[in-house]
Amino acid sequence: SVHPGGSLRLSCAPSGFSLSHYYIG
């Protein structure tokens, strides 16, 4: 939860594969 104007950083970790050959949406 954050107020308008604030910031958050979301993280995404793959399970069982490498990101090197993919394009992340």
PDBML (XML) file of the C-alpha atoms, coordinates in Angstrom:
<?xml version="1.0" encoding="UTF-8" ?>
<PDBx:datablock datablockName="MODEL"
   xmlns:PDBx="http://pdbml.pdb.org/schema/pdbx-v50.xsd"
   xmlns:xsi="http://www.w3.org/2001/XMLSchema-instance"
   xsi:schemaLocation="http://pdbml.pdb.org/schema/pdbx-v50.xsd pdbx-v50.xsd">
   <PDBx:atom_siteCategory>
      <PDBx:atom_site id="1">
         <PDBx:B_iso_or_equiv>0.00</PDBx:B_iso_or_equiv>
         <PDBx:Cartn_x>0.000</PDBx:Cartn_x>
         <PDBx:Cartn_y>0.000</PDBx:Cartn_y>
         <PDBx:Cartn_z>0.000</PDBx:Cartn_z>
         <PDBx:auth_asym_id>A</PDBx:auth_asym_id>
         <PDBx:auth_atom_id>CA</PDBx:auth_atom_id>
         <PDBx:auth_comp_id>SER</PDBx:auth_comp_id>
         <PDBx:auth_seq_id>1</PDBx:auth_seq_id>
         <PDBx:group_PDB>ATOM</PDBx:group_PDB>
         <PDBx:label_alt_id xsi:nil="true" />
         <PDBx:label_asym_id>A</PDBx:label_asym_id>
         <PDBx:label_atom_id>CA</PDBx:label_atom_id>
         <PDBx:label_comp_id>SER</PDBx:label_comp_id>
         <PDBx:label_entity_id>1</PDBx:label_entity_id>
         <PDBx:label_seq_id>1</PDBx:label_seq_id>
         <PDBx:occupancy>1.00</PDBx:occupancy>
         <PDBx:pdbx_PDB_model_num>1</PDBx:pdbx_PDB_model_num>
         <PDBx:type_symbol>C</PDBx:type_symbol>
      </PDBx:atom_site>
      <PDBx:atom_site id="2">
         <PDBx:B_iso_or_equiv>0.00</PDBx:B_iso_or_equiv>
         <PDBx:Cartn_x>1.260</PDBx:Cartn_x>
         <PDBx:Cartn_y>3.444</PDBx:Cartn_y>
         <PDBx:Cartn_z>-0.936</PDBx:Cartn_z>
         <PDBx:auth_asym_id>A</PDBx:auth_asym_id>
         <PDBx:auth_atom_id>CA</PDBx:auth_atom_id>
         <PDBx:auth_comp_id>VAL</PDBx:auth_comp_id>
         <PDBx:auth_seq_id>2</PDBx:auth_seq_id>
         <PDBx:group_PDB>ATOM</PDBx:group_PDB>
         <PDBx:label_alt_id xsi:nil="true" />
         <PDBx:label_asym_id>A</PDBx:label_asym_id>
         <PDBx:label_atom_id>CA</PDBx:label_atom_id>
         <PDBx:label_comp_id>VAL</PDBx:label_comp_id>
         <PDBx:label_entity_id>1</PDBx:label_entity_id>
         <PDBx:label_seq_id>2</PDBx:label_seq_id>
         <PDBx:occupancy>1.00</PDBx:occupancy>
         <PDBx:pdbx_PDB_model_num>1</PDBx:pdbx_PDB_model_num>
         <PDBx:type_symbol>C</PDBx:type_symbol>
      </PDBx:atom_site>
      <PDBx:atom_site id="3">
         <PDBx:B_iso_or_equiv>0.00</PDBx:B_iso_or_equiv>
         <PDBx:Cartn_x>-0.071</PDBx:Cartn_x>
         <PDBx:Cartn_y>7.003</PDBx:Cartn_y>
         <PDBx:Cartn_z>-1.118</PDBx:Cartn_z>
         <PDBx:auth_asym_id>A</PDBx:auth_asym_id>
         <PDBx:auth_atom_id>CA</PDBx:auth_atom_id>
         <PDBx:auth_comp_id>HIS</PDBx:auth_comp_id>
         <PDBx:auth_seq_id>3</PDBx:auth_seq_id>
         <PDBx:group_PDB>ATOM</PDBx:group_PDB>
         <PDBx:label_alt_id xsi:nil="true" />
         <PDBx:label_asym_id>A</PDBx:label_asym_id>
         <PDBx:label_atom_id>CA</PDBx:label_atom_id>
         <PDBx:label_comp_id>HIS</PDBx:label_comp_id>
         <PDBx:label_entity_id>1</PDBx:label_entity_id>
         <PDBx:label_seq_id>3</PDBx:label_seq_id>
         <PDBx:occupancy>1.00</PDBx:occupancy>
         <PDBx:pdbx_PDB_model_num>1</PDBx:pdbx_PDB_model_num>
         <PDBx:type_symbol>C</PDBx:type_symbol>
      </PDBx:atom_site>
      <PDBx:atom_site id="4">
         <PDBx:B_iso_or_equiv>0.00</PDBx:B_iso_or_equiv>
         <PDBx:Cartn_x>-0.465</PDBx:Cartn_x>
         <PDBx:Cartn_y>8.808</PDBx:Cartn_y>
         <PDBx:Cartn_z>-4.445</PDBx:Cartn_z>
         <PDBx:auth_asym_id>A</PDBx:auth_asym_id>
         <PDBx:auth_atom_id>CA</PDBx:auth_atom_id>
         <PDBx:auth_comp_id>PRO</PDBx:auth_comp_id>
         <PDBx:auth_seq_id>4</PDBx:auth_seq_id>
         <PDBx:group_PDB>ATOM</PDBx:group_PDB>
         <PDBx:label_alt_id xsi:nil="true" />
         <PDBx:label_asym_id>A</PDBx:label_asym_id>
         <PDBx:label_atom_id>CA</PDBx:label_atom_id>
         <PDBx:label_comp_id>PRO</PDBx:label_comp_id>
         <PDBx:label_entity_id>1</PDBx:label_entity_id>
         <PDBx:label_seq_id>4</PDBx:label_seq_id>
         <PDBx:occupancy>1.00</PDBx:occupancy>
         <PDBx:pdbx_PDB_model_num>1</PDBx:pdbx_PDB_model_num>
         <PDBx:type_symbol>C</PDBx:type_symbol>
      </PDBx:atom_site>
      <PDBx:atom_site id="5">
         <PDBx:B_iso_or_equiv>0.00</PDBx:B_iso_or_equiv>
         <PDBx:Cartn_x>2.908</PDBx:Cartn_x>
         <PDBx:Cartn_y>10.117</PDBx:Cartn_y>
         <PDBx:Cartn_z>-5.573</PDBx:Cartn_z>
         <PDBx:auth_asym_id>A</PDBx:auth_asym_id>
         <PDBx:auth_atom_id>CA</PDBx:auth_atom_id>
         <PDBx:auth_comp_id>GLY</PDBx:auth_comp_id>
         <PDBx:auth_seq_id>5</PDBx:auth_seq_id>
         <PDBx:group_PDB>ATOM</PDBx:group_PDB>
         <PDBx:label_alt_id xsi:nil="true" />
         <PDBx:label_asym_id>A</PDBx:label_asym_id>
         <PDBx:label_atom_id>CA</PDBx:label_atom_id>
         <PDBx:label_comp_id>GLY</PDBx:label_comp_id>
         <PDBx:label_entity_id>1</PDBx:label_entity_id>
         <PDBx:label_seq_id>5</PDBx:label_seq_id>
         <PDBx:occupancy>1.00</PDBx:occupancy>
         <PDBx:pdbx_PDB_model_num>1</PDBx:pdbx_PDB_model_num>
         <PDBx:type_symbol>C</PDBx:type_symbol>
      </PDBx:atom_site>
      <PDBx:atom_site id="6">
         <PDBx:B_iso_or_equiv>0.00</PDBx:B_iso_or_equiv>
         <PDBx:Cartn_x>4.795</PDBx:Cartn_x>
         <PDBx:Cartn_y>7.384</PDBx:Cartn_y>
         <PDBx:Cartn_z>-3.762</PDBx:Cartn_z>
         <PDBx:auth_asym_id>A</PDBx:auth_asym_id>
         <PDBx:auth_atom_id>CA</PDBx:auth_atom_id>
         <PDBx:auth_comp_id>GLY</PDBx:auth_comp_id>
         <PDBx:auth_seq_id>6</PDBx:auth_seq_id>
         <PDBx:group_PDB>ATOM</PDBx:group_PDB>
         <PDBx:label_alt_id xsi:nil="true" />
         <PDBx:label_asym_id>A</PDBx:label_asym_id>
         <PDBx:label_atom_id>CA</PDBx:label_atom_id>
         <PDBx:label_comp_id>GLY</PDBx:label_comp_id>
         <PDBx:label_entity_id>1</PDBx:label_entity_id>
         <PDBx:label_seq_id>6</PDBx:label_seq_id>
         <PDBx:occupancy>1.00</PDBx:occupancy>
         <PDBx:pdbx_PDB_model_num>1</PDBx:pdbx_PDB_model_num>
         <PDBx:type_symbol>C</PDBx:type_symbol>
      </PDBx:atom_site>
      <PDBx:atom_site id="7">
         <PDBx:B_iso_or_equiv>0.00</PDBx:B_iso_or_equiv>
         <PDBx:Cartn_x>7.013</PDBx:Cartn_x>
         <PDBx:Cartn_y>4.609</PDBx:Cartn_y>
         <PDBx:Cartn_z>-5.079</PDBx:Cartn_z>
         <PDBx:auth_asym_id>A</PDBx:auth_asym_id>
         <PDBx:auth_atom_id>CA</PDBx:auth_atom_id>
         <PDBx:auth_comp_id>SER</PDBx:auth_comp_id>
         <PDBx:auth_seq_id>7</PDBx:auth_seq_id>
         <PDBx:group_PDB>ATOM</PDBx:group_PDB>
         <PDBx:label_alt_id xsi:nil="true" />
         <PDBx:label_asym_id>A</PDBx:label_asym_id>
         <PDBx:label_atom_id>CA</PDBx:label_atom_id>
         <PDBx:label_comp_id>SER</PDBx:label_comp_id>
         <PDBx:label_entity_id>1</PDBx:label_entity_id>
         <PDBx:label_seq_id>7</PDBx:label_seq_id>
         <PDBx:occupancy>1.00</PDBx:occupancy>
         <PDBx:pdbx_PDB_model_num>1</PDBx:pdbx_PDB_model_num>
         <PDBx:type_symbol>C</PDBx:type_symbol>
      </PDBx:atom_site>
      <PDBx:atom_site id="8">
         <PDBx:B_iso_or_equiv>0.00</PDBx:B_iso_or_equiv>
         <PDBx:Cartn_x>7.261</PDBx:Cartn_x>
         <PDBx:Cartn_y>0.830</PDBx:Cartn_y>
         <PDBx:Cartn_z>-5.062</PDBx:Cartn_z>
         <PDBx:auth_asym_id>A</PDBx:auth_asym_id>
         <PDBx:auth_atom_id>CA</PDBx:auth_atom_id>
         <PDBx:auth_comp_id>LEU</PDBx:auth_comp_id>
         <PDBx:auth_seq_id>8</PDBx:auth_seq_id>
         <PDBx:group_PDB>ATOM</PDBx:group_PDB>
         <PDBx:label_alt_id xsi:nil="true" />
         <PDBx:label_asym_id>A</PDBx:label_asym_id>
         <PDBx:label_atom_id>CA</PDBx:label_atom_id>
         <PDBx:label_comp_id>LEU</PDBx:label_comp_id>
         <PDBx:label_entity_id>1</PDBx:label_entity_id>
         <PDBx:label_seq_id>8</PDBx:label_seq_id>
         <PDBx:occupancy>1.00</PDBx:occupancy>
         <PDBx:pdbx_PDB_model_num>1</PDBx:pdbx_PDB_model_num>
         <PDBx:type_symbol>C</PDBx:type_symbol>
      </PDBx:atom_site>
      <PDBx:atom_site id="9">
         <PDBx:B_iso_or_equiv>0.00</PDBx:B_iso_or_equiv>
         <PDBx:Cartn_x>9.710</PDBx:Cartn_x>
         <PDBx:Cartn_y>-1.619</PDBx:Cartn_y>
         <PDBx:Cartn_z>-6.578</PDBx:Cartn_z>
         <PDBx:auth_asym_id>A</PDBx:auth_asym_id>
         <PDBx:auth_atom_id>CA</PDBx:auth_atom_id>
         <PDBx:auth_comp_id>ARG</PDBx:auth_comp_id>
         <PDBx:auth_seq_id>9</PDBx:auth_seq_id>
         <PDBx:group_PDB>ATOM</PDBx:group_PDB>
         <PDBx:label_alt_id xsi:nil="true" />
         <PDBx:label_asym_id>A</PDBx:label_asym_id>
         <PDBx:label_atom_id>CA</PDBx:label_atom_id>
         <PDBx:label_comp_id>ARG</PDBx:label_comp_id>
         <PDBx:label_entity_id>1</PDBx:label_entity_id>
         <PDBx:label_seq_id>9</PDBx:label_seq_id>
         <PDBx:occupancy>1.00</PDBx:occupancy>
         <PDBx:pdbx_PDB_model_num>1</PDBx:pdbx_PDB_model_num>
         <PDBx:type_symbol>C</PDBx:type_symbol>
      </PDBx:atom_site>
      <PDBx:atom_site id="10">
         <PDBx:B_iso_or_equiv>0.00</PDBx:B_iso_or_equiv>
         <PDBx:Cartn_x>8.313</PDBx:Cartn_x>
         <PDBx:Cartn_y>-4.923</PDBx:Cartn_y>
         <PDBx:Cartn_z>-7.767</PDBx:Cartn_z>
         <PDBx:auth_asym_id>A</PDBx:auth_asym_id>
         <PDBx:auth_atom_id>CA</PDBx:auth_atom_id>
         <PDBx:auth_comp_id>LEU</PDBx:auth_comp_id>
         <PDBx:auth_seq_id>10</PDBx:auth_seq_id>
         <PDBx:group_PDB>ATOM</PDBx:group_PDB>
         <PDBx:label_alt_id xsi:nil="true" />
         <PDBx:label_asym_id>A</PDBx:label_asym_id>
         <PDBx:label_atom_id>CA</PDBx:label_atom_id>
         <PDBx:label_comp_id>LEU</PDBx:label_comp_id>
         <PDBx:label_entity_id>1</PDBx:label_entity_id>
         <PDBx:label_seq_id>10</PDBx:label_seq_id>
         <PDBx:occupancy>1.00</PDBx:occupancy>
         <PDBx:pdbx_PDB_model_num>1</PDBx:pdbx_PDB_model_num>
         <PDBx:type_symbol>C</PDBx:type_symbol>
      </PDBx:atom_site>
      <PDBx:atom_site id="11">
         <PDBx:B_iso_or_equiv>0.00</PDBx:B_iso_or_equiv>
         <PDBx:Cartn_x>10.515</PDBx:Cartn_x>
         <PDBx:Cartn_y>-7.969</PDBx:Cartn_y>
         <PDBx:Cartn_z>-8.262</PDBx:Cartn_z>
         <PDBx:auth_asym_id>A</PDBx:auth_asym_id>
         <PDBx:auth_atom_id>CA</PDBx:auth_atom_id>
         <PDBx:auth_comp_id>SER</PDBx:auth_comp_id>
         <PDBx:auth_seq_id>11</PDBx:auth_seq_id>
         <PDBx:group_PDB>ATOM</PDBx:group_PDB>
         <PDBx:label_alt_id xsi:nil="true" />
         <PDBx:label_asym_id>A</PDBx:label_asym_id>
         <PDBx:label_atom_id>CA</PDBx:label_atom_id>
         <PDBx:label_comp_id>SER</PDBx:label_comp_id>
         <PDBx:label_entity_id>1</PDBx:label_entity_id>
         <PDBx:label_seq_id>11</PDBx:label_seq_id>
         <PDBx:occupancy>1.00</PDBx:occupancy>
         <PDBx:pdbx_PDB_model_num>1</PDBx:pdbx_PDB_model_num>
         <PDBx:type_symbol>C</PDBx:type_symbol>
      </PDBx:atom_site>
      <PDBx:atom_site id="12">
         <PDBx:B_iso_or_equiv>0.00</PDBx:B_iso_or_equiv>
         <PDBx:Cartn_x>9.979</PDBx:Cartn_x>
         <PDBx:Cartn_y>-11.013</PDBx:Cartn_y>
         <PDBx:Cartn_z>-10.442</PDBx:Cartn_z>
         <PDBx:auth_asym_id>A</PDBx:auth_asym_id>
         <PDBx:auth_atom_id>CA</PDBx:auth_atom_id>
         <PDBx:auth_comp_id>CYS</PDBx:auth_comp_id>
         <PDBx:auth_seq_id>12</PDBx:auth_seq_id>
         <PDBx:group_PDB>ATOM</PDBx:group_PDB>
         <PDBx:label_alt_id xsi:nil="true" />
         <PDBx:label_asym_id>A</PDBx:label_asym_id>
         <PDBx:label_atom_id>CA</PDBx:label_atom_id>
         <PDBx:label_comp_id>CYS</PDBx:label_comp_id>
         <PDBx:label_entity_id>1</PDBx:label_entity_id>
         <PDBx:label_seq_id>12</PDBx:label_seq_id>
         <PDBx:occupancy>1.00</PDBx:occupancy>
         <PDBx:pdbx_PDB_model_num>1</PDBx:pdbx_PDB_model_num>
         <PDBx:type_symbol>C</PDBx:type_symbol>
      </PDBx:atom_site>
      <PDBx:atom_site id="13">
         <PDBx:B_iso_or_equiv>0.00</PDBx:B_iso_or_equiv>
         <PDBx:Cartn_x>11.942</PDBx:Cartn_x>
         <PDBx:Cartn_y>-14.229</PDBx:Cartn_y>
         <PDBx:Cartn_z>-10.053</PDBx:Cartn_z>
         <PDBx:auth_asym_id>A</PDBx:auth_asym_id>
         <PDBx:auth_atom_id>CA</PDBx:auth_atom_id>
         <PDBx:auth_comp_id>ALA</PDBx:auth_comp_id>
         <PDBx:auth_seq_id>13</PDBx:auth_seq_id>
         <PDBx:group_PDB>ATOM</PDBx:group_PDB>
         <PDBx:label_alt_id xsi:nil="true" />
         <PDBx:label_asym_id>A</PDBx:label_asym_id>
         <PDBx:label_atom_id>CA</PDBx:label_atom_id>
         <PDBx:label_comp_id>ALA</PDBx:label_comp_id>
         <PDBx:label_entity_id>1</PDBx:label_entity_id>
         <PDBx:label_seq_id>13</PDBx:label_seq_id>
         <PDBx:occupancy>1.00</PDBx:occupancy>
         <PDBx:pdbx_PDB_model_num>1</PDBx:pdbx_PDB_model_num>
         <PDBx:type_symbol>C</PDBx:type_symbol>
      </PDBx:atom_site>
      <PDBx:atom_site id="14">
         <PDBx:B_iso_or_equiv>0.00</PDBx:B_iso_or_equiv>
         <PDBx:Cartn_x>11.699</PDBx:Cartn_x>
         <PDBx:Cartn_y>-17.081</PDBx:Cartn_y>
         <PDBx:Cartn_z>-12.557</PDBx:Cartn_z>
         <PDBx:auth_asym_id>A</PDBx:auth_asym_id>
         <PDBx:auth_atom_id>CA</PDBx:auth_atom_id>
         <PDBx:auth_comp_id>PRO</PDBx:auth_comp_id>
         <PDBx:auth_seq_id>14</PDBx:auth_seq_id>
         <PDBx:group_PDB>ATOM</PDBx:group_PDB>
         <PDBx:label_alt_id xsi:nil="true" />
         <PDBx:label_asym_id>A</PDBx:label_asym_id>
         <PDBx:label_atom_id>CA</PDBx:label_atom_id>
         <PDBx:label_comp_id>PRO</PDBx:label_comp_id>
         <PDBx:label_entity_id>1</PDBx:label_entity_id>
         <PDBx:label_seq_id>14</PDBx:label_seq_id>
         <PDBx:occupancy>1.00</PDBx:occupancy>
         <PDBx:pdbx_PDB_model_num>1</PDBx:pdbx_PDB_model_num>
         <PDBx:type_symbol>C</PDBx:type_symbol>
      </PDBx:atom_site>
      <PDBx:atom_site id="15">
         <PDBx:B_iso_or_equiv>0.00</PDBx:B_iso_or_equiv>
         <PDBx:Cartn_x>11.237</PDBx:Cartn_x>
         <PDBx:Cartn_y>-20.613</PDBx:Cartn_y>
         <PDBx:Cartn_z>-11.329</PDBx:Cartn_z>
         <PDBx:auth_asym_id>A</PDBx:auth_asym_id>
         <PDBx:auth_atom_id>CA</PDBx:auth_atom_id>
         <PDBx:auth_comp_id>SER</PDBx:auth_comp_id>
         <PDBx:auth_seq_id>15</PDBx:auth_seq_id>
         <PDBx:group_PDB>ATOM</PDBx:group_PDB>
         <PDBx:label_alt_id xsi:nil="true" />
         <PDBx:label_asym_id>A</PDBx:label_asym_id>
         <PDBx:label_atom_id>CA</PDBx:label_atom_id>
         <PDBx:label_comp_id>SER</PDBx:label_comp_id>
         <PDBx:label_entity_id>1</PDBx:label_entity_id>
         <PDBx:label_seq_id>15</PDBx:label_seq_id>
         <PDBx:occupancy>1.00</PDBx:occupancy>
         <PDBx:pdbx_PDB_model_num>1</PDBx:pdbx_PDB_model_num>
         <PDBx:type_symbol>C</PDBx:type_symbol>
      </PDBx:atom_site>
      <PDBx:atom_site id="16">
         <PDBx:B_iso_or_equiv>0.00</PDBx:B_iso_or_equiv>
         <PDBx:Cartn_x>13.394</PDBx:Cartn_x>
         <PDBx:Cartn_y>-23.210</PDBx:Cartn_y>
         <PDBx:Cartn_z>-13.017</PDBx:Cartn_z>
         <PDBx:auth_asym_id>A</PDBx:auth_asym_id>
         <PDBx:auth_atom_id>CA</PDBx:auth_atom_id>
         <PDBx:auth_comp_id>GLY</PDBx:auth_comp_id>
         <PDBx:auth_seq_id>16</PDBx:auth_seq_id>
         <PDBx:group_PDB>ATOM</PDBx:group_PDB>
         <PDBx:label_alt_id xsi:nil="true" />
         <PDBx:label_asym_id>A</PDBx:label_asym_id>
         <PDBx:label_atom_id>CA</PDBx:label_atom_id>
         <PDBx:label_comp_id>GLY</PDBx:label_comp_id>
         <PDBx:label_entity_id>1</PDBx:label_entity_id>
         <PDBx:label_seq_id>16</PDBx:label_seq_id>
         <PDBx:occupancy>1.00</PDBx:occupancy>
         <PDBx:pdbx_PDB_model_num>1</PDBx:pdbx_PDB_model_num>
         <PDBx:type_symbol>C</PDBx:type_symbol>
      </PDBx:atom_site>
      <PDBx:atom_site id="17">
         <PDBx:B_iso_or_equiv>0.00</PDBx:B_iso_or_equiv>
         <PDBx:Cartn_x>14.565</PDBx:Cartn_x>
         <PDBx:Cartn_y>-21.326</PDBx:Cartn_y>
         <PDBx:Cartn_z>-16.103</PDBx:Cartn_z>
         <PDBx:auth_asym_id>A</PDBx:auth_asym_id>
         <PDBx:auth_atom_id>CA</PDBx:auth_atom_id>
         <PDBx:auth_comp_id>PHE</PDBx:auth_comp_id>
         <PDBx:auth_seq_id>17</PDBx:auth_seq_id>
         <PDBx:group_PDB>ATOM</PDBx:group_PDB>
         <PDBx:label_alt_id xsi:nil="true" />
         <PDBx:label_asym_id>A</PDBx:label_asym_id>
         <PDBx:label_atom_id>CA</PDBx:label_atom_id>
         <PDBx:label_comp_id>PHE</PDBx:label_comp_id>
         <PDBx:label_entity_id>1</PDBx:label_entity_id>
         <PDBx:label_seq_id>17</PDBx:label_seq_id>
         <PDBx:occupancy>1.00</PDBx:occupancy>
         <PDBx:pdbx_PDB_model_num>1</PDBx:pdbx_PDB_model_num>
         <PDBx:type_symbol>C</PDBx:type_symbol>
      </PDBx:atom_site>
      <PDBx:atom_site id="18">
         <PDBx:B_iso_or_equiv>0.00</PDBx:B_iso_or_equiv>
         <PDBx:Cartn_x>16.904</PDBx:Cartn_x>
         <PDBx:Cartn_y>-18.563</PDBx:Cartn_y>
         <PDBx:Cartn_z>-17.230</PDBx:Cartn_z>
         <PDBx:auth_asym_id>A</PDBx:auth_asym_id>
         <PDBx:auth_atom_id>CA</PDBx:auth_atom_id>
         <PDBx:auth_comp_id>SER</PDBx:auth_comp_id>
         <PDBx:auth_seq_id>18</PDBx:auth_seq_id>
         <PDBx:group_PDB>ATOM</PDBx:group_PDB>
         <PDBx:label_alt_id xsi:nil="true" />
         <PDBx:label_asym_id>A</PDBx:label_asym_id>
         <PDBx:label_atom_id>CA</PDBx:label_atom_id>
         <PDBx:label_comp_id>SER</PDBx:label_comp_id>
         <PDBx:label_entity_id>1</PDBx:label_entity_id>
         <PDBx:label_seq_id>18</PDBx:label_seq_id>
         <PDBx:occupancy>1.00</PDBx:occupancy>
         <PDBx:pdbx_PDB_model_num>1</PDBx:pdbx_PDB_model_num>
         <PDBx:type_symbol>C</PDBx:type_symbol>
      </PDBx:atom_site>
      <PDBx:atom_site id="19">
         <PDBx:B_iso_or_equiv>0.00</PDBx:B_iso_or_equiv>
         <PDBx:Cartn_x>15.688</PDBx:Cartn_x>
         <PDBx:Cartn_y>-15.129</PDBx:Cartn_y>
         <PDBx:Cartn_z>-18.344</PDBx:Cartn_z>
         <PDBx:auth_asym_id>A</PDBx:auth_asym_id>
         <PDBx:auth_atom_id>CA</PDBx:auth_atom_id>
         <PDBx:auth_comp_id>LEU</PDBx:auth_comp_id>
         <PDBx:auth_seq_id>19</PDBx:auth_seq_id>
         <PDBx:group_PDB>ATOM</PDBx:group_PDB>
         <PDBx:label_alt_id xsi:nil="true" />
         <PDBx:label_asym_id>A</PDBx:label_asym_id>
         <PDBx:label_atom_id>CA</PDBx:label_atom_id>
         <PDBx:label_comp_id>LEU</PDBx:label_comp_id>
         <PDBx:label_entity_id>1</PDBx:label_entity_id>
         <PDBx:label_seq_id>19</PDBx:label_seq_id>
         <PDBx:occupancy>1.00</PDBx:occupancy>
         <PDBx:pdbx_PDB_model_num>1</PDBx:pdbx_PDB_model_num>
         <PDBx:type_symbol>C</PDBx:type_symbol>
      </PDBx:atom_site>
      <PDBx:atom_site id="20">
         <PDBx:B_iso_or_equiv>0.00</PDBx:B_iso_or_equiv>
         <PDBx:Cartn_x>18.421</PDBx:Cartn_x>
         <PDBx:Cartn_y>-14.766</PDBx:Cartn_y>
         <PDBx:Cartn_z>-20.941</PDBx:Cartn_z>
         <PDBx:auth_asym_id>A</PDBx:auth_asym_id>
         <PDBx:auth_atom_id>CA</PDBx:auth_atom_id>
         <PDBx:auth_comp_id>SER</PDBx:auth_comp_id>
         <PDBx:auth_seq_id>20</PDBx:auth_seq_id>
         <PDBx:group_PDB>ATOM</PDBx:group_PDB>
         <PDBx:label_alt_id xsi:nil="true" />
         <PDBx:label_asym_id>A</PDBx:label_asym_id>
         <PDBx:label_atom_id>CA</PDBx:label_atom_id>
         <PDBx:label_comp_id>SER</PDBx:label_comp_id>
         <PDBx:label_entity_id>1</PDBx:label_entity_id>
         <PDBx:label_seq_id>20</PDBx:label_seq_id>
         <PDBx:occupancy>1.00</PDBx:occupancy>
         <PDBx:pdbx_PDB_model_num>1</PDBx:pdbx_PDB_model_num>
         <PDBx:type_symbol>C</PDBx:type_symbol>
      </PDBx:atom_site>
      <PDBx:atom_site id="21">
         <PDBx:B_iso_or_equiv>0.00</PDBx:B_iso_or_equiv>
         <PDBx:Cartn_x>16.264</PDBx:Cartn_x>
         <PDBx:Cartn_y>-15.937</PDBx:Cartn_y>
         <PDBx:Cartn_z>-23.861</PDBx:Cartn_z>
         <PDBx:auth_asym_id>A</PDBx:auth_asym_id>
         <PDBx:auth_atom_id>CA</PDBx:auth_atom_id>
         <PDBx:auth_comp_id>HIS</PDBx:auth_comp_id>
         <PDBx:auth_seq_id>21</PDBx:auth_seq_id>
         <PDBx:group_PDB>ATOM</PDBx:group_PDB>
         <PDBx:label_alt_id xsi:nil="true" />
         <PDBx:label_asym_id>A</PDBx:label_asym_id>
         <PDBx:label_atom_id>CA</PDBx:label_atom_id>
         <PDBx:label_comp_id>HIS</PDBx:label_comp_id>
         <PDBx:label_entity_id>1</PDBx:label_entity_id>
         <PDBx:label_seq_id>21</PDBx:label_seq_id>
         <PDBx:occupancy>1.00</PDBx:occupancy>
         <PDBx:pdbx_PDB_model_num>1</PDBx:pdbx_PDB_model_num>
         <PDBx:type_symbol>C</PDBx:type_symbol>
      </PDBx:atom_site>
      <PDBx:atom_site id="22">
         <PDBx:B_iso_or_equiv>0.00</PDBx:B_iso_or_equiv>
         <PDBx:Cartn_x>13.002</PDBx:Cartn_x>
         <PDBx:Cartn_y>-14.245</PDBx:Cartn_y>
         <PDBx:Cartn_z>-22.872</PDBx:Cartn_z>
         <PDBx:auth_asym_id>A</PDBx:auth_asym_id>
         <PDBx:auth_atom_id>CA</PDBx:auth_atom_id>
         <PDBx:auth_comp_id>TYR</PDBx:auth_comp_id>
         <PDBx:auth_seq_id>22</PDBx:auth_seq_id>
         <PDBx:group_PDB>ATOM</PDBx:group_PDB>
         <PDBx:label_alt_id xsi:nil="true" />
         <PDBx:label_asym_id>A</PDBx:label_asym_id>
         <PDBx:label_atom_id>CA</PDBx:label_atom_id>
         <PDBx:label_comp_id>TYR</PDBx:label_comp_id>
         <PDBx:label_entity_id>1</PDBx:label_entity_id>
         <PDBx:label_seq_id>22</PDBx:label_seq_id>
         <PDBx:occupancy>1.00</PDBx:occupancy>
         <PDBx:pdbx_PDB_model_num>1</PDBx:pdbx_PDB_model_num>
         <PDBx:type_symbol>C</PDBx:type_symbol>
      </PDBx:atom_site>
      <PDBx:atom_site id="23">
         <PDBx:B_iso_or_equiv>0.00</PDBx:B_iso_or_equiv>
         <PDBx:Cartn_x>11.212</PDBx:Cartn_x>
         <PDBx:Cartn_y>-10.927</PDBx:Cartn_y>
         <PDBx:Cartn_z>-23.039</PDBx:Cartn_z>
         <PDBx:auth_asym_id>A</PDBx:auth_asym_id>
         <PDBx:auth_atom_id>CA</PDBx:auth_atom_id>
         <PDBx:auth_comp_id>TYR</PDBx:auth_comp_id>
         <PDBx:auth_seq_id>23</PDBx:auth_seq_id>
         <PDBx:group_PDB>ATOM</PDBx:group_PDB>
         <PDBx:label_alt_id xsi:nil="true" />
         <PDBx:label_asym_id>A</PDBx:label_asym_id>
         <PDBx:label_atom_id>CA</PDBx:label_atom_id>
         <PDBx:label_comp_id>TYR</PDBx:label_comp_id>
         <PDBx:label_entity_id>1</PDBx:label_entity_id>
         <PDBx:label_seq_id>23</PDBx:label_seq_id>
         <PDBx:occupancy>1.00</PDBx:occupancy>
         <PDBx:pdbx_PDB_model_num>1</PDBx:pdbx_PDB_model_num>
         <PDBx:type_symbol>C</PDBx:type_symbol>
      </PDBx:atom_site>
      <PDBx:atom_site id="24">
         <PDBx:B_iso_or_equiv>0.00</PDBx:B_iso_or_equiv>
         <PDBx:Cartn_x>9.470</PDBx:Cartn_x>
         <PDBx:Cartn_y>-9.993</PDBx:Cartn_y>
         <PDBx:Cartn_z>-19.807</PDBx:Cartn_z>
         <PDBx:auth_asym_id>A</PDBx:auth_asym_id>
         <PDBx:auth_atom_id>CA</PDBx:auth_atom_id>
         <PDBx:auth_comp_id>ILE</PDBx:auth_comp_id>
         <PDBx:auth_seq_id>24</PDBx:auth_seq_id>
         <PDBx:group_PDB>ATOM</PDBx:group_PDB>
         <PDBx:label_alt_id xsi:nil="true" />
         <PDBx:label_asym_id>A</PDBx:label_asym_id>
         <PDBx:label_atom_id>CA</PDBx:label_atom_id>
         <PDBx:label_comp_id>ILE</PDBx:label_comp_id>
         <PDBx:label_entity_id>1</PDBx:label_entity_id>
         <PDBx:label_seq_id>24</PDBx:label_seq_id>
         <PDBx:occupancy>1.00</PDBx:occupancy>
         <PDBx:pdbx_PDB_model_num>1</PDBx:pdbx_PDB_model_num>
         <PDBx:type_symbol>C</PDBx:type_symbol>
      </PDBx:atom_site>
      <PDBx:atom_site id="25">
         <PDBx:B_iso_or_equiv>0.00</PDBx:B_iso_or_equiv>
         <PDBx:Cartn_x>6.077</PDBx:Cartn_x>
         <PDBx:Cartn_y>-8.353</PDBx:Cartn_y>
         <PDBx:Cartn_z>-19.680</PDBx:Cartn_z>
         <PDBx:auth_asym_id>A</PDBx:auth_asym_id>
         <PDBx:auth_atom_id>CA</PDBx:auth_atom_id>
         <PDBx:auth_comp_id>GLY</PDBx:auth_comp_id>
         <PDBx:auth_seq_id>25</PDBx:auth_seq_id>
         <PDBx:group_PDB>ATOM</PDBx:group_PDB>
         <PDBx:label_alt_id xsi:nil="true" />
         <PDBx:label_asym_id>A</PDBx:label_asym_id>
         <PDBx:label_atom_id>CA</PDBx:label_atom_id>
         <PDBx:label_comp_id>GLY</PDBx:label_comp_id>
         <PDBx:label_entity_id>1</PDBx:label_entity_id>
         <PDBx:label_seq_id>25</PDBx:label_seq_id>
         <PDBx:occupancy>1.00</PDBx:occupancy>
         <PDBx:pdbx_PDB_model_num>1</PDBx:pdbx_PDB_model_num>
         <PDBx:type_symbol>C</PDBx:type_symbol>
      </PDBx:atom_site>
   </PDBx:atom_siteCategory>
</PDBx:datablock>
